C-alpha atoms as a PDB file:
ATOM      1  CA  MET A   1      -7.215 -18.124   0.335  1.00  0.00           C
ATOM      2  CA  ALA A   2      -4.986 -16.559   3.012  1.00  0.00           C
ATOM      3  CA  LEU A   3      -3.401 -13.228   2.204  1.00  0.00           C
ATOM      4  CA  ASP A   4       0.407 -13.178   2.293  1.00  0.00           C
ATOM      5  CA  TYR A   5       1.659 -10.439   4.584  1.00  0.00           C
ATOM      6  CA  SER A   6       5.243 -11.674   4.666  1.00  0.00           C
ATOM      7  CA  THR A   7       8.179  -9.560   3.615  1.00  0.00           C
ATOM      8  CA  GLY A   8      11.758 -10.253   2.693  1.00  0.00           C
ATOM      9  CA  PRO A   9      13.916 -12.963   4.290  1.00  0.00           C
ATOM     10  CA  ILE A  10      15.077 -12.629   7.874  1.00  0.00           C
ATOM     11  CA  GLU A  11      18.731 -13.360   8.549  1.00  0.00           C
ATOM     12  CA  GLU A  12      19.032 -16.582  10.524  1.00  0.00           C
ATOM     13  CA  ARG A  13      21.234 -16.738  13.619  1.00  0.00           C
ATOM     14  CA  SER A  14      22.070 -19.356  16.231  1.00  0.00           C
ATOM     15  CA  LEU A  15      20.327 -19.364  19.589  1.00  0.00           C
ATOM     16  CA  SER A  16      20.963 -21.531  22.616  1.00  0.00           C
ATOM     17  CA  ARG A  17      21.783 -25.223  22.079  1.00  0.00           C
ATOM     18  CA  GLY A  18      22.388 -24.784  18.360  1.00  0.00           C
ATOM     19  CA  ILE A  19      18.767 -23.857  17.536  1.00  0.00           C
ATOM     20  CA  GLN A  20      18.478 -21.516  14.565  1.00  0.00           C
ATOM     21  CA  THR A  21      15.979 -18.706  14.275  1.00  0.00           C
ATOM     22  CA  ILE A  22      13.081 -19.874  12.133  1.00  0.00           C
ATOM     23  CA  ASP A  23      12.551 -17.662   9.088  1.00  0.00           C
ATOM     24  CA  THR A  24       8.813 -17.667   8.323  1.00  0.00           C
ATOM     25  CA  SER A  25       9.004 -15.105   5.506  1.00  0.00           C
ATOM     26  CA  SER A  26       7.966 -17.815   3.009  1.00  0.00           C
ATOM     27  CA  LEU A  27       4.713 -18.409   4.932  1.00  0.00           C
ATOM     28  CA  SER A  28       1.464 -16.496   4.714  1.00  0.00           C
ATOM     29  CA  SER A  29       0.345 -14.500   7.760  1.00  0.00           C
ATOM     30  CA  LEU A  30      -2.048 -17.290   8.777  1.00  0.00           C
ATOM     31  CA  GLN A  31       0.630 -19.963   8.348  1.00  0.00           C
ATOM     32  CA  ALA A  32       3.159 -17.914  10.359  1.00  0.00           C
ATOM     33  CA  GLU A  33       0.603 -17.585  13.169  1.00  0.00           C
ATOM     34  CA  VAL A  34      -0.005 -21.358  13.096  1.00  0.00           C
ATOM     35  CA  ALA A  35       3.760 -21.945  13.170  1.00  0.00           C
ATOM     36  CA  ARG A  36       4.142 -19.829  16.294  1.00  0.00           C
ATOM     37  CA  LYS A  37       1.285 -21.717  18.001  1.00  0.00           C
ATOM     38  CA  ILE A  38       2.710 -25.145  17.158  1.00  0.00           C
ATOM     39  CA  ILE A  39       6.205 -24.082  18.247  1.00  0.00           C
ATOM     40  CA  ALA A  40       4.725 -22.833  21.538  1.00  0.00           C
ATOM     41  CA  MET A  41       3.159 -26.282  22.032  1.00  0.00           C
ATOM     42  CA  MET A  42       6.576 -27.851  21.425  1.00  0.00           C
ATOM     43  CA  GLN A  43       8.102 -25.509  24.020  1.00  0.00           C
ATOM     44  CA  GLU A  44       5.427 -26.638  26.485  1.00  0.00           C
ATOM     45  CA  SER A  45       6.467 -30.292  25.898  1.00  0.00           C
ATOM     46  CA  ARG A  46       3.122 -31.222  24.359  1.00  0.00           C
ATOM     47  CA  TRP A  47       4.944 -34.099  22.622  1.00  0.00           C
ATOM     48  CA  SER A  48       8.018 -36.180  23.425  1.00  0.00           C
ATOM     49  CA  ILE A  49      10.610 -37.101  20.802  1.00  0.00           C
ATOM     50  CA  GLY A  50       9.046 -39.690  18.504  1.00  0.00           C
ATOM     51  CA  ASP A  51       5.434 -38.890  19.435  1.00  0.00           C
ATOM     52  CA  LYS A  52       2.952 -38.620  16.597  1.00  0.00           C
ATOM     53  CA  ILE A  53       1.682 -35.111  15.815  1.00  0.00           C
ATOM     54  CA  SER A  54      -1.807 -35.321  14.372  1.00  0.00           C
ATOM     55  CA  ASP A  55      -2.516 -32.607  11.829  1.00  0.00           C
ATOM     56  CA  ALA A  56      -6.239 -33.403  12.083  1.00  0.00           C
ATOM     57  CA  ALA A  57      -6.264 -32.958  15.886  1.00  0.00           C
ATOM     58  CA  LEU A  58      -4.287 -29.711  15.623  1.00  0.00           C
ATOM     59  CA  ALA A  59      -6.668 -28.406  12.972  1.00  0.00           C
ATOM     60  CA  ARG A  60      -9.639 -29.109  15.278  1.00  0.00           C
ATOM     61  CA  GLU A  61      -7.911 -27.474  18.239  1.00  0.00           C
ATOM     62  CA  LEU A  62      -6.955 -24.371  16.244  1.00  0.00           C
ATOM     63  CA  ARG A  63     -10.346 -24.318  14.471  1.00  0.00           C
ATOM     64  CA  LEU A  64      -8.745 -24.327  11.029  1.00  0.00           C
ATOM     65  CA  SER A  65      -8.776 -26.522   7.959  1.00  0.00           C
ATOM     66  CA  ARG A  66      -6.009 -29.137   7.769  1.00  0.00           C
ATOM     67  CA  SER A  67      -4.296 -27.416   4.834  1.00  0.00           C
ATOM     68  CA  PRO A  68      -2.440 -24.604   6.711  1.00  0.00           C
ATOM     69  CA  VAL A  69      -1.593 -26.982   9.578  1.00  0.00           C
ATOM     70  CA  ARG A  70      -0.091 -29.577   7.211  1.00  0.00           C
ATOM     71  CA  HIS A  71       1.816 -26.853   5.370  1.00  0.00           C
ATOM     72  CA  VAL A  72       3.375 -25.645   8.639  1.00  0.00           C
ATOM     73  CA  LEU A  73       4.245 -29.190   9.769  1.00  0.00           C
ATOM     74  CA  GLN A  74       5.942 -29.789   6.406  1.00  0.00           C
ATOM     75  CA  PHE A  75       7.747 -26.459   6.853  1.00  0.00           C
ATOM     76  CA  LEU A  76       8.990 -27.596  10.295  1.00  0.00           C
ATOM     77  CA  ALA A  77       9.932 -31.009   8.864  1.00  0.00           C
ATOM     78  CA  GLU A  78      12.192 -29.293   6.313  1.00  0.00           C
ATOM     79  CA  ARG A  79      13.970 -27.640   9.261  1.00  0.00           C
ATOM     80  CA  GLY A  80      14.391 -30.846  11.240  1.00  0.00           C
ATOM     81  CA  PHE A  81      11.959 -30.178  14.078  1.00  0.00           C
ATOM     82  CA  VAL A  82       9.480 -32.850  12.967  1.00  0.00           C
ATOM     83  CA  SER A  83       9.843 -35.864  10.723  1.00  0.00           C
ATOM     84  CA  GLN A  84       7.359 -37.082   8.152  1.00  0.00           C
ATOM     85  CA  THR A  85       6.833 -40.710   7.212  1.00  0.00           C
ATOM     86  CA  GLU A  86       4.413 -42.226   4.751  1.00  0.00           C
ATOM     87  CA  ASN A  87       2.714 -44.480   7.282  1.00  0.00           C
ATOM     88  CA  ARG A  88       2.849 -42.530  10.567  1.00  0.00           C
ATOM     89  CA  GLY A  89       2.486 -38.966   9.348  1.00  0.00           C
ATOM     90  CA  PHE A  90       4.335 -36.382  11.456  1.00  0.00           C
ATOM     91  CA  GLN A  91       6.442 -37.082  14.539  1.00  0.00           C
ATOM     92  CA  LEU A  92       8.422 -34.803  16.850  1.00  0.00           C
ATOM     93  CA  ALA A  93      12.086 -35.103  15.876  1.00  0.00           C
ATOM     94  CA  ARG A  94      13.743 -32.373  17.925  1.00  0.00           C
ATOM     95  CA  ALA A  95      12.935 -30.676  21.216  1.00  0.00           C
ATOM     96  CA  MET A  96      12.268 -26.938  21.259  1.00  0.00           C
ATOM     97  CA  PRO A  97      13.991 -25.000  24.091  1.00  0.00           C
ATOM     98  CA  ALA A  98      11.330 -23.964  26.601  1.00  0.00           C
ATOM     99  CA  ASP A  99      13.305 -20.965  27.863  1.00  0.00           C
ATOM    100  CA  GLU A 100      13.856 -19.359  24.450  1.00  0.00           C
ATOM    101  CA  ASP A 101      11.799 -16.248  23.724  1.00  0.00           C
ATOM    102  CA  MET A 102       9.268 -16.757  20.917  1.00  0.00           C
ATOM    103  CA  ASP A 103      10.313 -13.575  19.112  1.00  0.00           C
ATOM    104  CA  ALA A 104      13.900 -14.857  19.135  1.00  0.00           C
ATOM    105  CA  LEU A 105      12.858 -18.248  17.757  1.00  0.00           C
ATOM    106  CA  VAL A 106      10.423 -16.841  15.189  1.00  0.00           C
ATOM    107  CA  PRO A 107      11.294 -13.181  14.538  1.00  0.00           C
ATOM    108  CA  PRO A 108       8.245 -11.137  13.503  1.00  0.00           C
ATOM    109  CA  SER A 109       8.248  -9.970   9.897  1.00  0.00           C
ATOM    110  CA  GLU A 110       8.409  -6.298   8.964  1.00  0.00           C
ATOM    111  CA  VAL A 111       4.638  -6.377   8.410  1.00  0.00           C
ATOM    112  CA  ASP A 112       4.039  -8.002  11.816  1.00  0.00           C
ATOM    113  CA  SER A 113       6.125  -5.313  13.506  1.00  0.00           C
ATOM    114  CA  LEU A 114       4.331  -2.516  11.643  1.00  0.00           C
ATOM    115  CA  TYR A 115       0.951  -4.081  12.482  1.00  0.00           C
ATOM    116  CA  GLU A 116       1.714  -3.810  16.211  1.00  0.00           C
ATOM    117  CA  ARG A 117       3.045  -0.248  15.818  1.00  0.00           C
ATOM    118  CA  LEU A 118      -0.145   0.764  13.996  1.00  0.00           C
ATOM    119  CA  MET A 119      -2.227  -0.953  16.678  1.00  0.00           C
ATOM    120  CA  ARG A 120      -0.555   0.969  19.506  1.00  0.00           C
ATOM    121  CA  ALA A 121      -0.600   4.251  17.590  1.00  0.00           C
ATOM    122  CA  ARG A 122      -4.308   3.906  16.887  1.00  0.00           C
ATOM    123  CA  ALA A 123      -5.081   3.000  20.521  1.00  0.00           C
ATOM    124  CA  ASN A 124      -3.070   5.982  21.771  1.00  0.00           C
ATOM    125  CA  GLY A 125      -4.779   8.443  19.418  1.00  0.00           C
ATOM    126  CA  LEU A 126      -1.734   8.949  17.173  1.00  0.00           C
ATOM    127  CA  ILE A 127      -3.794   7.871  14.144  1.00  0.00           C
ATOM    128  CA  GLY A 128      -7.219   9.400  13.542  1.00  0.00           C
ATOM    129  CA  ASN A 129     -10.377   7.675  12.355  1.00  0.00           C
ATOM    130  CA  GLU A 130      -9.242   8.093   8.744  1.00  0.00           C
ATOM    131  CA  ALA A 131      -5.799   8.135   7.156  1.00  0.00           C
ATOM    132  CA  SER A 132      -4.238   7.758   3.720  1.00  0.00           C
ATOM    133  CA  GLU A 133      -1.415   5.355   2.885  1.00  0.00           C
ATOM    134  CA  THR A 134       0.791   8.353   2.090  1.00  0.00           C
ATOM    135  CA  GLU A 135       0.198   9.850   5.545  1.00  0.00           C
ATOM    136  CA  LEU A 136       1.003   6.535   7.225  1.00  0.00           C
ATOM    137  CA  LEU A 137       4.039   6.102   4.991  1.00  0.00           C
ATOM    138  CA  GLU A 138       5.436   9.429   6.205  1.00  0.00           C
ATOM    139  CA  GLN A 139       4.511   8.745   9.834  1.00  0.00           C
ATOM    140  CA  PHE A 140       6.047   5.257  10.074  1.00  0.00           C
ATOM    141  CA  GLY A 141       8.915   5.533   7.584  1.00  0.00           C
ATOM    142  CA  THR A 142       8.427   2.241   5.790  1.00  0.00           C
ATOM    143  CA  SER A 143       7.552   1.107   2.277  1.00  0.00           C
ATOM    144  CA  ARG A 144       4.126   1.523   0.686  1.00  0.00           C
ATOM    145  CA  GLY A 145       3.895  -2.245   0.144  1.00  0.00           C
ATOM    146  CA  THR A 146       4.473  -2.914   3.855  1.00  0.00           C
ATOM    147  CA  ILE A 147       1.888  -0.277   4.830  1.00  0.00           C
ATOM    148  CA  ARG A 148      -0.641  -1.765   2.433  1.00  0.00           C
ATOM    149  CA  ARG A 149      -0.147  -5.365   3.623  1.00  0.00           C
ATOM    150  CA  ALA A 150      -0.494  -4.279   7.263  1.00  0.00           C
ATOM    151  CA  LEU A 151      -3.705  -2.396   6.416  1.00  0.00           C
ATOM    152  CA  MET A 152      -5.028  -5.438   4.555  1.00  0.00           C
ATOM    153  CA  ARG A 153      -4.492  -7.407   7.752  1.00  0.00           C
ATOM    154  CA  PHE A 154      -6.446  -4.742   9.670  1.00  0.00           C
ATOM    155  CA  ALA A 155      -9.219  -5.074   7.080  1.00  0.00           C
ATOM    156  CA  ALA A 156      -9.259  -8.887   7.342  1.00  0.00           C
ATOM    157  CA  GLU A 157      -9.771  -8.539  11.105  1.00  0.00           C
ATOM    158  CA  GLY A 158     -12.561  -5.976  10.740  1.00  0.00           C
ATOM    159  CA  LEU A 159     -10.411  -3.164  12.139  1.00  0.00           C
ATOM    160  CA  ALA A 160     -10.293  -0.981   9.018  1.00  0.00           C
ATOM    161  CA  GLU A 161     -11.873  -0.598   5.602  1.00  0.00           C
ATOM    162  CA  ARG A 162     -10.936   1.183   2.387  1.00  0.00           C
ATOM    163  CA  ARG A 163     -12.597   4.540   1.882  1.00  0.00           C
ATOM    164  CA  GLN A 164     -14.295   5.155  -1.427  1.00  0.00           C
ATOM    165  CA  GLY A 165     -11.731   7.021  -3.498  1.00  0.00           C
ATOM    166  CA  HIS A 166      -8.593   6.756  -1.399  1.00  0.00           C
ATOM    167  CA  GLY A 167      -7.438   6.199   2.157  1.00  0.00           C
ATOM    168  CA  TRP A 168      -8.625   3.998   5.022  1.00  0.00           C
ATOM    169  CA  ARG A 169     -11.242   4.302   7.752  1.00  0.00           C
ATOM    170  CA  PHE A 170     -10.481   2.623  11.094  1.00  0.00           C
ATOM    171  CA  SER A 171     -13.030   0.936  13.335  1.00  0.00           C
ATOM    172  CA  GLU A 172     -14.047   2.531  16.622  1.00  0.00           C
ATOM    173  CA  CYS A 173     -11.685   1.934  19.547  1.00  0.00           C
ATOM    174  CA  LEU A 174     -12.855   1.064  23.030  1.00  0.00           C
ATOM    175  CA  ASP A 175     -11.105   4.214  24.218  1.00  0.00           C
ATOM    176  CA  ASN A 176     -13.752   5.744  26.490  1.00  0.00           C
ATOM    177  CA  ARG A 177     -15.729   4.607  29.527  1.00  0.00           C
ATOM    178  CA  GLN A 178     -19.099   4.376  27.765  1.00  0.00           C
ATOM    179  CA  ALA A 179     -17.735   2.227  24.939  1.00  0.00           C
ATOM    180  CA  VAL A 180     -15.974  -0.064  27.430  1.00  0.00           C
ATOM    181  CA  ASN A 181     -19.091  -0.480  29.577  1.00  0.00           C
ATOM    182  CA  GLU A 182     -21.265  -1.219  26.534  1.00  0.00           C
ATOM    183  CA  SER A 183     -18.740  -3.768  25.271  1.00  0.00           C
ATOM    184  CA  TYR A 184     -18.559  -5.622  28.600  1.00  0.00           C
ATOM    185  CA  ALA A 185     -22.358  -5.580  28.949  1.00  0.00           C
ATOM    186  CA  PHE A 186     -22.678  -7.063  25.453  1.00  0.00           C
ATOM    187  CA  ARG A 187     -19.987  -9.673  26.164  1.00  0.00           C
ATOM    188  CA  THR A 188     -21.727 -10.681  29.404  1.00  0.00           C
ATOM    189  CA  ILE A 189     -24.947 -11.387  27.496  1.00  0.00           C
ATOM    190  CA  ILE A 190     -23.150 -13.288  24.717  1.00  0.00           C
ATOM    191  CA  GLU A 191     -20.624 -15.277  26.758  1.00  0.00           C
ATOM    192  CA  CYS A 192     -22.805 -16.269  29.722  1.00  0.00           C
ATOM    193  CA  GLY A 193     -25.699 -16.983  27.352  1.00  0.00           C
ATOM    194  CA  ALA A 194     -23.490 -19.187  25.166  1.00  0.00           C
ATOM    195  CA  MET A 195     -22.689 -21.421  28.132  1.00  0.00           C
ATOM    196  CA  MET A 196     -26.387 -22.070  28.775  1.00  0.00           C
ATOM    197  CA  GLU A 197     -27.173 -23.098  25.187  1.00  0.00           C
ATOM    198  CA  THR A 198     -28.503 -26.654  24.968  1.00  0.00           C
ATOM    199  CA  THR A 199     -25.992 -27.279  22.167  1.00  0.00           C
ATOM    200  CA  PHE A 200     -23.010 -26.351  24.386  1.00  0.00           C
ATOM    201  CA  HIS A 201     -20.301 -29.035  24.287  1.00  0.00           C
ATOM    202  CA  ALA A 202     -16.660 -28.555  25.308  1.00  0.00           C
ATOM    203  CA  ASP A 203     -14.068 -30.166  23.054  1.00  0.00           C
ATOM    204  CA  PRO A 204     -11.713 -32.135  25.394  1.00  0.00           C
ATOM    205  CA  ALA A 205      -8.553 -31.380  23.368  1.00  0.00           C
ATOM    206  CA  GLN A 206      -9.337 -27.669  23.190  1.00  0.00           C
ATOM    207  CA  LEU A 207     -10.181 -27.568  26.904  1.00  0.00           C
ATOM    208  CA  ALA A 208      -6.863 -29.231  27.803  1.00  0.00           C
ATOM    209  CA  ALA A 209      -4.984 -26.799  25.551  1.00  0.00           C
ATOM    210  CA  LEU A 210      -6.708 -23.817  27.213  1.00  0.00           C
ATOM    211  CA  GLU A 211      -5.799 -25.162  30.653  1.00  0.00           C
ATOM    212  CA  ASP A 212      -2.139 -25.506  29.618  1.00  0.00           C
ATOM    213  CA  GLU A 213      -2.101 -21.978  28.193  1.00  0.00           C
ATOM    214  CA  GLN A 214      -3.684 -20.439  31.303  1.00  0.00           C
ATOM    215  CA  ARG A 215      -1.407 -22.370  33.701  1.00  0.00           C
ATOM    216  CA  ASN A 216       1.611 -21.081  31.779  1.00  0.00           C
ATOM    217  CA  LEU A 217       0.339 -17.509  32.201  1.00  0.00           C
ATOM    218  CA  LEU A 218      -0.344 -18.150  35.877  1.00  0.00           C
ATOM    219  CA  ASN A 219       3.213 -19.336  36.524  1.00  0.00           C
ATOM    220  CA  ALA A 220       5.235 -17.143  34.136  1.00  0.00           C
ATOM    221  CA  PRO A 221       6.899 -13.948  35.416  1.00  0.00           C
ATOM    222  CA  LEU A 222       5.196 -10.851  34.057  1.00  0.00           C
ATOM    223  CA  SER A 223       8.438  -9.733  32.392  1.00  0.00           C
ATOM    224  CA  SER A 224       8.354 -12.815  30.142  1.00  0.00           C
ATOM    225  CA  ILE A 225       4.842 -12.091  28.786  1.00  0.00           C
ATOM    226  CA  ASN A 226       4.400  -9.551  26.001  1.00  0.00           C
ATOM    227  CA  GLY A 227       1.210  -7.639  25.265  1.00  0.00           C
ATOM    228  CA  SER A 228       0.271  -9.482  22.102  1.00  0.00           C
ATOM    229  CA  GLU A 229       0.831 -12.886  23.733  1.00  0.00           C
ATOM    230  CA  TRP A 230      -1.356 -11.904  26.691  1.00  0.00           C
ATOM    231  CA  PHE A 231      -4.136 -10.556  24.514  1.00  0.00           C
ATOM    232  CA  GLU A 232      -4.199 -13.522  22.120  1.00  0.00           C
ATOM    233  CA  ALA A 233      -4.349 -16.024  24.996  1.00  0.00           C
ATOM    234  CA  ASN A 234      -7.140 -14.027  26.628  1.00  0.00           C
ATOM    235  CA  ALA A 235      -9.107 -13.643  23.394  1.00  0.00           C
ATOM    236  CA  ASN A 236      -8.584 -17.303  22.494  1.00  0.00           C
ATOM    237  CA  PHE A 237     -10.036 -18.387  25.841  1.00  0.00           C
ATOM    238  CA  HIS A 238     -13.236 -16.352  25.489  1.00  0.00           C
ATOM    239  CA  GLU A 239     -13.771 -17.152  21.801  1.00  0.00           C
ATOM    240  CA  THR A 240     -13.215 -20.891  22.298  1.00  0.00           C
ATOM    241  CA  VAL A 241     -15.687 -21.090  25.188  1.00  0.00           C
ATOM    242  CA  VAL A 242     -18.342 -19.251  23.140  1.00  0.00           C
ATOM    243  CA  ALA A 243     -17.633 -21.477  20.123  1.00  0.00           C
ATOM    244  CA  TRP A 244     -18.501 -24.538  22.243  1.00  0.00           C
ATOM    245  CA  SER A 245     -22.106 -23.306  22.126  1.00  0.00           C
ATOM    246  CA  GLY A 246     -22.233 -24.453  18.508  1.00  0.00           C
ATOM    247  CA  ASN A 247     -23.906 -21.153  17.571  1.00  0.00           C
ATOM    248  CA  ARG A 248     -22.034 -19.458  14.714  1.00  0.00           C
ATOM    249  CA  PHE A 249     -23.668 -16.092  15.333  1.00  0.00           C
ATOM    250  CA  LEU A 250     -22.546 -15.989  18.953  1.00  0.00           C
ATOM    251  CA  THR A 251     -19.022 -16.903  17.830  1.00  0.00           C
ATOM    252  CA  GLN A 252     -19.024 -14.151  15.196  1.00  0.00           C
ATOM    253  CA  ALA A 253     -20.213 -11.658  17.822  1.00  0.00           C
ATOM    254  CA  ILE A 254     -17.429 -12.431  20.309  1.00  0.00           C
ATOM    255  CA  ARG A 255     -14.831 -12.453  17.531  1.00  0.00           C
ATOM    256  CA  ARG A 256     -15.942  -8.945  16.578  1.00  0.00           C
ATOM    257  CA  GLN A 257     -15.598  -7.823  20.211  1.00  0.00           C
ATOM    258  CA  ASN A 258     -12.115  -9.327  20.389  1.00  0.00           C
ATOM    259  CA  ASN A 259     -11.117  -7.351  17.309  1.00  0.00           C
ATOM    260  CA  LEU A 260     -12.407  -4.126  18.889  1.00  0.00           C
ATOM    261  CA  ARG A 261     -10.526  -4.912  22.112  1.00  0.00           C
ATOM    262  CA  ARG A 262      -7.309  -5.769  20.305  1.00  0.00           C
ATOM    263  CA  MET A 263      -6.207  -2.192  19.594  1.00  0.00           C
ATOM    264  CA  THR A 264      -6.845  -0.835  23.085  1.00  0.00           C
ATOM    265  CA  GLU A 265      -5.587  -3.784  25.112  1.00  0.00           C
ATOM    266  CA  TYR A 266      -2.300  -4.106  23.203  1.00  0.00           C
ATOM    267  CA  ALA A 267      -1.503  -0.558  24.325  1.00  0.00           C
ATOM    268  CA  GLU A 268      -2.751  -0.999  27.901  1.00  0.00           C
ATOM    269  CA  PHE A 269      -0.816  -4.191  28.684  1.00  0.00           C
ATOM    270  CA  THR A 270       2.056  -2.125  30.147  1.00  0.00           C
ATOM    271  CA  GLU A 271      -0.384  -0.942  32.869  1.00  0.00           C
ATOM    272  CA  LEU A 272      -1.387  -4.494  33.795  1.00  0.00           C
ATOM    273  CA  SER A 273      -0.147  -5.705  37.179  1.00  0.00           C
ATOM    274  CA  GLU A 274       1.210  -9.163  37.863  1.00  0.00           C
ATOM    275  CA  ALA A 275      -1.707  -9.639  40.267  1.00  0.00           C
ATOM    276  CA  GLY A 276      -4.123  -8.789  37.434  1.00  0.00           C
ATOM    277  CA  VAL A 277      -2.607 -11.411  35.131  1.00  0.00           C
ATOM    278  CA  ARG A 278      -2.660 -14.023  37.906  1.00  0.00           C
ATOM    279  CA  LYS A 279      -6.290 -13.258  38.804  1.00  0.00           C
ATOM    280  CA  ALA A 280      -7.448 -13.472  35.177  1.00  0.00           C
ATOM    281  CA  ALA A 281      -5.667 -16.805  34.651  1.00  0.00           C
ATOM    282  CA  THR A 282      -7.085 -18.137  37.951  1.00  0.00           C
ATOM    283  CA  ASP A 283     -10.612 -17.133  36.908  1.00  0.00           C
ATOM    284  CA  HIS A 284     -10.180 -18.763  33.510  1.00  0.00           C
ATOM    285  CA  LEU A 285      -8.976 -22.010  35.097  1.00  0.00           C
ATOM    286  CA  ALA A 286     -11.922 -21.992  37.524  1.00  0.00           C
ATOM    287  CA  ILE A 287     -14.345 -21.552  34.613  1.00  0.00           C
ATOM    288  CA  LEU A 288     -12.743 -24.477  32.762  1.00  0.00           C
ATOM    289  CA  GLU A 289     -12.885 -26.659  35.896  1.00  0.00           C
ATOM    290  CA  ALA A 290     -16.617 -25.951  36.284  1.00  0.00           C
ATOM    291  CA  ILE A 291     -17.181 -26.803  32.609  1.00  0.00           C
ATOM    292  CA  LYS A 292     -15.300 -30.090  33.086  1.00  0.00           C
ATOM    293  CA  LEU A 293     -17.638 -30.896  35.993  1.00  0.00           C
ATOM    294  CA  ASP A 294     -20.599 -30.059  33.705  1.00  0.00           C
ATOM    295  CA  ASP A 295     -21.675 -27.325  36.123  1.00  0.00           C
ATOM    296  CA  ARG A 296     -22.410 -24.659  33.547  1.00  0.00           C
ATOM    297  CA  LYS A 297     -24.388 -22.487  35.983  1.00  0.00           C
ATOM    298  CA  LEU A 298     -21.290 -22.227  38.180  1.00  0.00           C
ATOM    299  CA  ALA A 299     -19.095 -21.581  35.122  1.00  0.00           C
ATOM    300  CA  ALA A 300     -21.419 -18.784  33.975  1.00  0.00           C
ATOM    301  CA  ALA A 301     -21.456 -17.276  37.483  1.00  0.00           C
ATOM    302  CA  ILE A 302     -17.635 -17.232  37.646  1.00  0.00           C
ATOM    303  CA  LEU A 303     -17.519 -15.726  34.155  1.00  0.00           C
ATOM    304  CA  LEU A 304     -20.018 -13.020  35.140  1.00  0.00           C
ATOM    305  CA  ARG A 305     -17.894 -12.102  38.166  1.00  0.00           C
ATOM    306  CA  HIS A 306     -14.750 -12.160  36.002  1.00  0.00           C
ATOM    307  CA  LEU A 307     -16.220  -9.812  33.378  1.00  0.00           C
ATOM    308  CA  SER A 308     -17.657  -7.496  36.044  1.00  0.00           C
ATOM    309  CA  ARG A 309     -14.275  -7.233  37.761  1.00  0.00           C
ATOM    310  CA  SER A 310     -12.548  -6.599  34.426  1.00  0.00           C
ATOM    311  CA  THR A 311     -14.967  -3.731  33.707  1.00  0.00           C
ATOM    312  CA  VAL A 312     -14.013  -2.041  36.981  1.00  0.00           C
ATOM    313  CA  THR A 313     -10.280  -2.498  36.272  1.00  0.00           C
ATOM    314  CA  VAL A 314     -10.457  -1.077  32.745  1.00  0.00           C
ATOM    315  CA  ASN A 315     -12.606   1.871  33.885  1.00  0.00           C
ATOM    316  CA  ALA A 316     -10.035   2.650  36.570  1.00  0.00           C
ATOM    317  CA  GLN A 317      -7.321   2.722  33.892  1.00  0.00           C
ATOM    318  CA  LYS A 318      -9.454   5.071  31.761  1.00  0.00           C
ATOM    319  CA  THR A 319      -9.889   7.398  34.754  1.00  0.00           C
ATOM    320  CA  THR A 320      -6.232   7.520  35.781  1.00  0.00           C
ATOM    321  CA  GLY A 321      -4.678   7.186  32.326  1.00  0.00           C
END
């Protein structure tokens, strides 16, 4: 059962072309995340008005059960963005403006905002390895319930755990050169090895979705991309490719690495150049093209070069930062 990290209602306001902000405070954290992903697909014109939206296909693409996907589609149907019929299921009923900022369309909840503040504070050394809820309450000036729900989200992602007695212990950050090098070396073994598994099979719908996501990053101005959006797209690419190996243990390993990277890379996005974003997206698209051609040796070679180059870039940031 998904934990509910939502807080009180968000005041709705009109955006361009009569679109209202979408208040997701009634959704769980997982459902709100799914809503943002589906809305992003609508902004990318994945469907035309009247096209069928398959909850089963979306569930496969997002690697979730159908339940949270159906709940979100019903939520969007109540707000007029999709329609639901007994025979055809869900259909797109209203276009989503492509030029509207996601945070304007779906404002983050108080817990979502605190989660990102905690992430940056931890990455920048403003929170130690251990902290109590009272200390965090005083530091961030919010309610105890909000602090606790944000910490529960950290715990669900393997980024923190309750200490015996009281307080919380945070996971190690990749905040030094040795930790970064060890992480990239481990990822190279896992990710390149996953591609060479005999059970490796790319899901066509997921591959197409990754290509769309990476092309959008390639063409979008850097000012329109926020740190969390960049990280999630990056992490989603690497986790999806590893998941195509069909090996659950490899998938668990890369998911753990993504969680360790999350804290540090949220904070370091401001140091990322437009050329860096373009190069990463270009590499990702080249890897996907090689996979489509069933040339997994080439895909693994491009991935190895990509990870090696990323190691050098991150180490340079650690040296000059």
